[in-house]
N, C-alpha and C. Protein backbone atom coordinates (compact mmCIF):
# COMPACT_ATOMS: atom_id res chain seq x y z
N MET A 1 94.07 99.88 112.39
CA MET A 1 95.30 100.58 112.66
C MET A 1 94.97 101.97 113.19
N ARG A 2 95.66 102.38 114.19
CA ARG A 2 95.31 103.64 114.84
C ARG A 2 95.74 104.88 114.07
N HIS A 3 96.48 104.73 112.98
CA HIS A 3 96.99 105.88 112.24
C HIS A 3 96.11 106.27 111.05
N LEU A 4 94.83 105.93 111.09
CA LEU A 4 93.96 106.19 109.95
C LEU A 4 93.50 107.64 109.84
N GLU A 5 93.61 108.41 110.90
CA GLU A 5 93.34 109.85 110.91
C GLU A 5 92.32 110.32 109.87
N GLY A 6 91.08 110.43 110.29
CA GLY A 6 90.06 111.00 109.42
C GLY A 6 89.46 110.05 108.41
N ILE A 7 89.78 108.79 108.51
CA ILE A 7 89.24 107.81 107.58
C ILE A 7 88.78 106.60 108.40
N ASP A 8 87.58 106.15 108.15
CA ASP A 8 87.08 105.03 108.94
C ASP A 8 87.69 103.72 108.42
N LEU A 9 87.67 102.72 109.27
CA LEU A 9 88.31 101.44 108.95
C LEU A 9 87.73 100.81 107.69
N GLU A 10 86.41 100.84 107.52
CA GLU A 10 85.80 100.25 106.33
C GLU A 10 86.32 100.90 105.05
N THR A 11 86.40 102.22 105.05
CA THR A 11 86.92 102.93 103.87
C THR A 11 88.37 102.57 103.62
N ALA A 12 89.17 102.52 104.67
CA ALA A 12 90.58 102.16 104.53
C ALA A 12 90.73 100.76 103.95
N LEU A 13 89.92 99.84 104.44
CA LEU A 13 89.98 98.46 103.92
C LEU A 13 89.57 98.40 102.45
N ARG A 14 88.56 99.18 102.09
CA ARG A 14 88.14 99.21 100.69
C ARG A 14 89.23 99.80 99.79
N ILE A 15 89.83 100.90 100.24
CA ILE A 15 90.88 101.55 99.45
C ILE A 15 92.05 100.60 99.22
N SER A 16 92.42 99.86 100.23
CA SER A 16 93.61 99.00 100.15
C SER A 16 93.31 97.59 99.64
N SER A 17 92.07 97.25 99.42
CA SER A 17 91.71 95.87 99.11
C SER A 17 92.29 95.35 97.79
N SER A 18 92.63 96.20 96.88
CA SER A 18 93.17 95.76 95.59
C SER A 18 94.66 95.44 95.64
N PHE A 19 95.31 95.78 96.75
CA PHE A 19 96.76 95.64 96.83
C PHE A 19 97.21 94.28 97.37
N GLY A 20 96.30 93.48 97.87
CA GLY A 20 96.66 92.21 98.49
C GLY A 20 97.30 91.22 97.55
N ALA A 21 98.17 90.41 98.10
CA ALA A 21 98.85 89.34 97.37
C ALA A 21 99.62 89.86 96.17
N GLY A 22 100.22 91.02 96.34
CA GLY A 22 101.06 91.56 95.27
C GLY A 22 100.27 92.20 94.16
N MET A 23 99.40 93.09 94.48
CA MET A 23 98.57 93.82 93.52
C MET A 23 97.54 92.87 92.89
N ALA A 24 96.49 92.65 93.63
CA ALA A 24 95.36 91.83 93.16
C ALA A 24 95.81 90.42 92.77
N GLN A 25 96.58 89.80 93.62
CA GLN A 25 97.05 88.43 93.46
C GLN A 25 97.92 88.22 92.23
N MET A 26 98.67 89.27 91.84
CA MET A 26 99.57 89.13 90.69
C MET A 26 101.00 88.84 91.12
N GLY A 27 101.25 88.77 92.43
CA GLY A 27 102.57 88.43 92.93
C GLY A 27 103.59 89.55 92.84
N ASP A 28 103.14 90.76 92.57
CA ASP A 28 104.07 91.89 92.46
C ASP A 28 104.34 92.48 93.84
N THR A 29 104.53 93.78 93.94
CA THR A 29 104.88 94.42 95.20
C THR A 29 103.90 94.03 96.29
N CYS A 30 104.43 93.63 97.43
CA CYS A 30 103.64 93.16 98.55
C CYS A 30 102.63 94.21 99.02
N GLY A 31 101.41 93.79 99.25
CA GLY A 31 100.36 94.69 99.73
C GLY A 31 100.68 95.28 101.09
N ALA A 32 101.39 94.57 101.93
CA ALA A 32 101.79 95.13 103.23
C ALA A 32 102.70 96.33 103.02
N LEU A 33 103.54 96.28 101.99
CA LEU A 33 104.43 97.39 101.69
C LEU A 33 103.66 98.56 101.08
N THR A 34 102.83 98.29 100.09
CA THR A 34 102.08 99.38 99.45
C THR A 34 101.07 100.00 100.41
N ASP A 35 100.43 99.17 101.23
CA ASP A 35 99.50 99.72 102.22
C ASP A 35 100.25 100.58 103.24
N GLY A 36 101.44 100.14 103.62
CA GLY A 36 102.26 100.94 104.53
C GLY A 36 102.62 102.28 103.92
N MET A 37 102.91 102.29 102.63
CA MET A 37 103.20 103.54 101.93
C MET A 37 101.98 104.45 101.93
N MET A 38 100.80 103.87 101.77
CA MET A 38 99.57 104.68 101.82
C MET A 38 99.36 105.27 103.20
N VAL A 39 99.64 104.50 104.24
CA VAL A 39 99.49 105.00 105.61
C VAL A 39 100.46 106.15 105.85
N LEU A 40 101.69 106.02 105.37
CA LEU A 40 102.65 107.11 105.51
C LEU A 40 102.17 108.35 104.77
N GLY A 41 101.60 108.16 103.59
CA GLY A 41 101.05 109.30 102.85
C GLY A 41 99.88 109.94 103.57
N LEU A 42 99.04 109.12 104.16
CA LEU A 42 97.90 109.64 104.91
C LEU A 42 98.38 110.44 106.11
N LYS A 43 99.40 109.97 106.76
CA LYS A 43 99.91 110.62 107.97
C LYS A 43 100.81 111.82 107.67
N PHE A 44 101.67 111.71 106.65
CA PHE A 44 102.68 112.73 106.42
C PHE A 44 102.65 113.36 105.02
N GLY A 45 101.75 112.91 104.15
CA GLY A 45 101.72 113.39 102.77
C GLY A 45 101.32 114.85 102.64
N ARG A 46 101.65 115.42 101.52
CA ARG A 46 101.32 116.82 101.28
C ARG A 46 99.90 116.94 100.74
N VAL A 47 99.30 118.07 101.00
CA VAL A 47 97.96 118.37 100.46
C VAL A 47 97.99 119.62 99.61
N VAL A 48 99.10 120.34 99.64
CA VAL A 48 99.28 121.53 98.82
C VAL A 48 100.41 121.23 97.83
N ALA A 49 100.14 121.41 96.55
CA ALA A 49 101.09 121.02 95.51
C ALA A 49 102.49 121.61 95.73
N GLY A 50 102.59 122.83 96.19
CA GLY A 50 103.89 123.46 96.34
C GLY A 50 104.61 123.14 97.63
N ASN A 51 104.04 122.31 98.48
CA ASN A 51 104.66 122.00 99.78
C ASN A 51 105.75 120.93 99.58
N THR A 52 106.90 121.39 99.13
CA THR A 52 107.98 120.44 98.87
C THR A 52 108.56 119.84 100.14
N ASP A 53 108.46 120.56 101.27
CA ASP A 53 108.96 120.00 102.53
C ASP A 53 108.18 118.75 102.92
N ALA A 54 106.85 118.83 102.83
CA ALA A 54 106.02 117.67 103.16
C ALA A 54 106.27 116.53 102.18
N LYS A 55 106.41 116.87 100.90
CA LYS A 55 106.68 115.84 99.89
C LYS A 55 108.00 115.13 100.18
N GLU A 56 109.03 115.91 100.45
CA GLU A 56 110.34 115.32 100.72
C GLU A 56 110.34 114.48 101.99
N LYS A 57 109.65 114.95 103.03
CA LYS A 57 109.56 114.18 104.28
C LYS A 57 108.85 112.86 104.02
N ASN A 58 107.73 112.90 103.32
CA ASN A 58 106.98 111.68 103.02
C ASN A 58 107.84 110.71 102.21
N TYR A 59 108.50 111.20 101.19
CA TYR A 59 109.36 110.33 100.37
C TYR A 59 110.49 109.73 101.20
N ARG A 60 111.08 110.54 102.09
CA ARG A 60 112.15 110.04 102.95
C ARG A 60 111.65 108.90 103.83
N LEU A 61 110.46 109.08 104.40
CA LEU A 61 109.89 108.04 105.27
C LEU A 61 109.52 106.79 104.47
N VAL A 62 108.99 106.97 103.26
CA VAL A 62 108.69 105.82 102.40
C VAL A 62 109.98 105.08 102.06
N HIS A 63 111.03 105.81 101.70
CA HIS A 63 112.30 105.16 101.38
C HIS A 63 112.82 104.38 102.59
N GLU A 64 112.69 104.96 103.78
CA GLU A 64 113.13 104.28 105.00
C GLU A 64 112.34 102.99 105.22
N PHE A 65 111.03 103.07 105.05
CA PHE A 65 110.18 101.89 105.23
C PHE A 65 110.52 100.81 104.21
N VAL A 66 110.67 101.20 102.94
CA VAL A 66 110.98 100.22 101.89
C VAL A 66 112.35 99.59 102.14
N GLU A 67 113.32 100.41 102.55
CA GLU A 67 114.65 99.89 102.84
C GLU A 67 114.60 98.87 103.98
N LYS A 68 113.89 99.20 105.07
CA LYS A 68 113.77 98.26 106.19
C LYS A 68 113.03 97.00 105.77
N PHE A 69 111.97 97.16 105.00
CA PHE A 69 111.18 96.03 104.52
C PHE A 69 112.07 95.10 103.69
N ASN A 70 112.80 95.67 102.72
CA ASN A 70 113.65 94.86 101.85
C ASN A 70 114.79 94.21 102.62
N LYS A 71 115.33 94.90 103.61
CA LYS A 71 116.40 94.32 104.41
C LYS A 71 115.87 93.13 105.22
N TRP A 72 114.69 93.29 105.80
CA TRP A 72 114.12 92.23 106.63
C TRP A 72 113.69 91.03 105.79
N PHE A 73 112.97 91.29 104.68
CA PHE A 73 112.39 90.20 103.89
C PHE A 73 113.22 89.82 102.67
N GLU A 74 114.27 90.59 102.38
CA GLU A 74 115.18 90.37 101.26
C GLU A 74 114.58 90.71 99.91
N ASN A 75 113.33 91.06 99.84
CA ASN A 75 112.70 91.55 98.62
C ASN A 75 111.31 92.06 98.95
N CYS A 76 110.60 92.56 97.97
CA CYS A 76 109.28 93.13 98.24
C CYS A 76 108.19 92.50 97.37
N TYR A 77 108.46 91.37 96.76
CA TYR A 77 107.51 90.76 95.85
C TYR A 77 106.79 89.58 96.49
N CYS A 78 105.47 89.63 96.44
CA CYS A 78 104.67 88.57 97.06
C CYS A 78 104.97 87.20 96.46
N ARG A 79 105.32 87.17 95.20
CA ARG A 79 105.63 85.86 94.59
C ARG A 79 106.81 85.20 95.29
N ASP A 80 107.65 86.00 95.95
CA ASP A 80 108.82 85.47 96.65
C ASP A 80 108.61 85.37 98.15
N LEU A 81 107.56 85.98 98.65
CA LEU A 81 107.30 86.00 100.09
C LEU A 81 106.21 84.98 100.43
N LEU A 82 106.25 84.50 101.61
CA LEU A 82 105.25 83.54 102.06
C LEU A 82 104.27 84.22 103.01
N GLY A 83 103.24 84.84 102.48
CA GLY A 83 102.21 85.44 103.31
C GLY A 83 102.63 86.74 103.96
N PHE A 84 101.69 87.35 104.65
CA PHE A 84 101.92 88.60 105.36
C PHE A 84 102.61 88.32 106.67
N ASN A 85 103.58 89.11 106.96
CA ASN A 85 104.31 88.97 108.22
C ASN A 85 104.07 90.20 109.08
N ARG A 86 103.82 90.02 110.36
CA ARG A 86 103.57 91.13 111.28
C ARG A 86 104.75 92.08 111.39
N GLU A 87 105.94 91.62 111.06
CA GLU A 87 107.12 92.47 111.18
C GLU A 87 106.98 93.73 110.33
N ALA A 88 106.34 93.65 109.15
CA ALA A 88 106.17 94.82 108.30
C ALA A 88 105.33 95.87 108.99
N ALA A 89 104.25 95.45 109.61
CA ALA A 89 103.39 96.40 110.34
C ALA A 89 104.14 97.01 111.51
N GLU A 90 104.95 96.21 112.19
CA GLU A 90 105.72 96.72 113.31
C GLU A 90 106.76 97.74 112.86
N MET A 91 107.40 97.51 111.72
CA MET A 91 108.35 98.46 111.17
C MET A 91 107.67 99.78 110.86
N LEU A 92 106.49 99.71 110.26
CA LEU A 92 105.72 100.91 109.91
C LEU A 92 105.35 101.67 111.18
N GLU A 93 104.87 100.97 112.19
CA GLU A 93 104.50 101.60 113.46
C GLU A 93 105.70 102.35 114.05
N GLU A 94 106.87 101.72 114.00
CA GLU A 94 108.08 102.32 114.55
C GLU A 94 108.41 103.63 113.84
N ILE A 95 108.34 103.66 112.52
CA ILE A 95 108.64 104.86 111.76
C ILE A 95 107.64 105.97 112.08
N ILE A 96 106.36 105.63 112.14
CA ILE A 96 105.34 106.63 112.42
C ILE A 96 105.52 107.20 113.82
N GLU A 97 105.77 106.34 114.79
CA GLU A 97 105.95 106.80 116.16
C GLU A 97 107.17 107.69 116.30
N GLN A 98 108.25 107.37 115.60
CA GLN A 98 109.46 108.18 115.66
C GLN A 98 109.17 109.58 115.12
N GLU A 99 108.43 109.67 114.02
CA GLU A 99 108.17 110.95 113.38
C GLU A 99 107.09 111.74 114.07
N SER A 100 106.17 111.07 114.74
CA SER A 100 105.05 111.75 115.39
C SER A 100 105.43 112.31 116.75
N GLY A 101 106.44 111.72 117.32
CA GLY A 101 106.93 112.17 118.63
C GLY A 101 106.00 111.87 119.69
C-alpha cells in the first residue's frame, strides 16, 4: 500500500499480522477494518499528546471509514463476513485521497 509513509512493507505486514481473520482467527473485528484504522493513524494520527486537532481529525476519519465499512458489509465481524473484500481497501484509499488532497 502506498500510504505506509516511513515504514517498510515487511514491518507493516508484521505489525498487522495478528489482526487477520478477526483478531488472530477469533472471528472478531475484521482485520481489513483494523488494518485500515492503523493506516489512518499512520497517515493522520497525532504524535504530540496535546494535539487535539490531529486526534479529532484521525477519529473523524476512522468513524467515517467504519461507517462506510459497516454500511457496505452490514457488519464488521469476520465470523459474519466471507473473506477479505477489495471494497474495504478501496474505501480506505478514497478517504485518504480526499484528506490528502
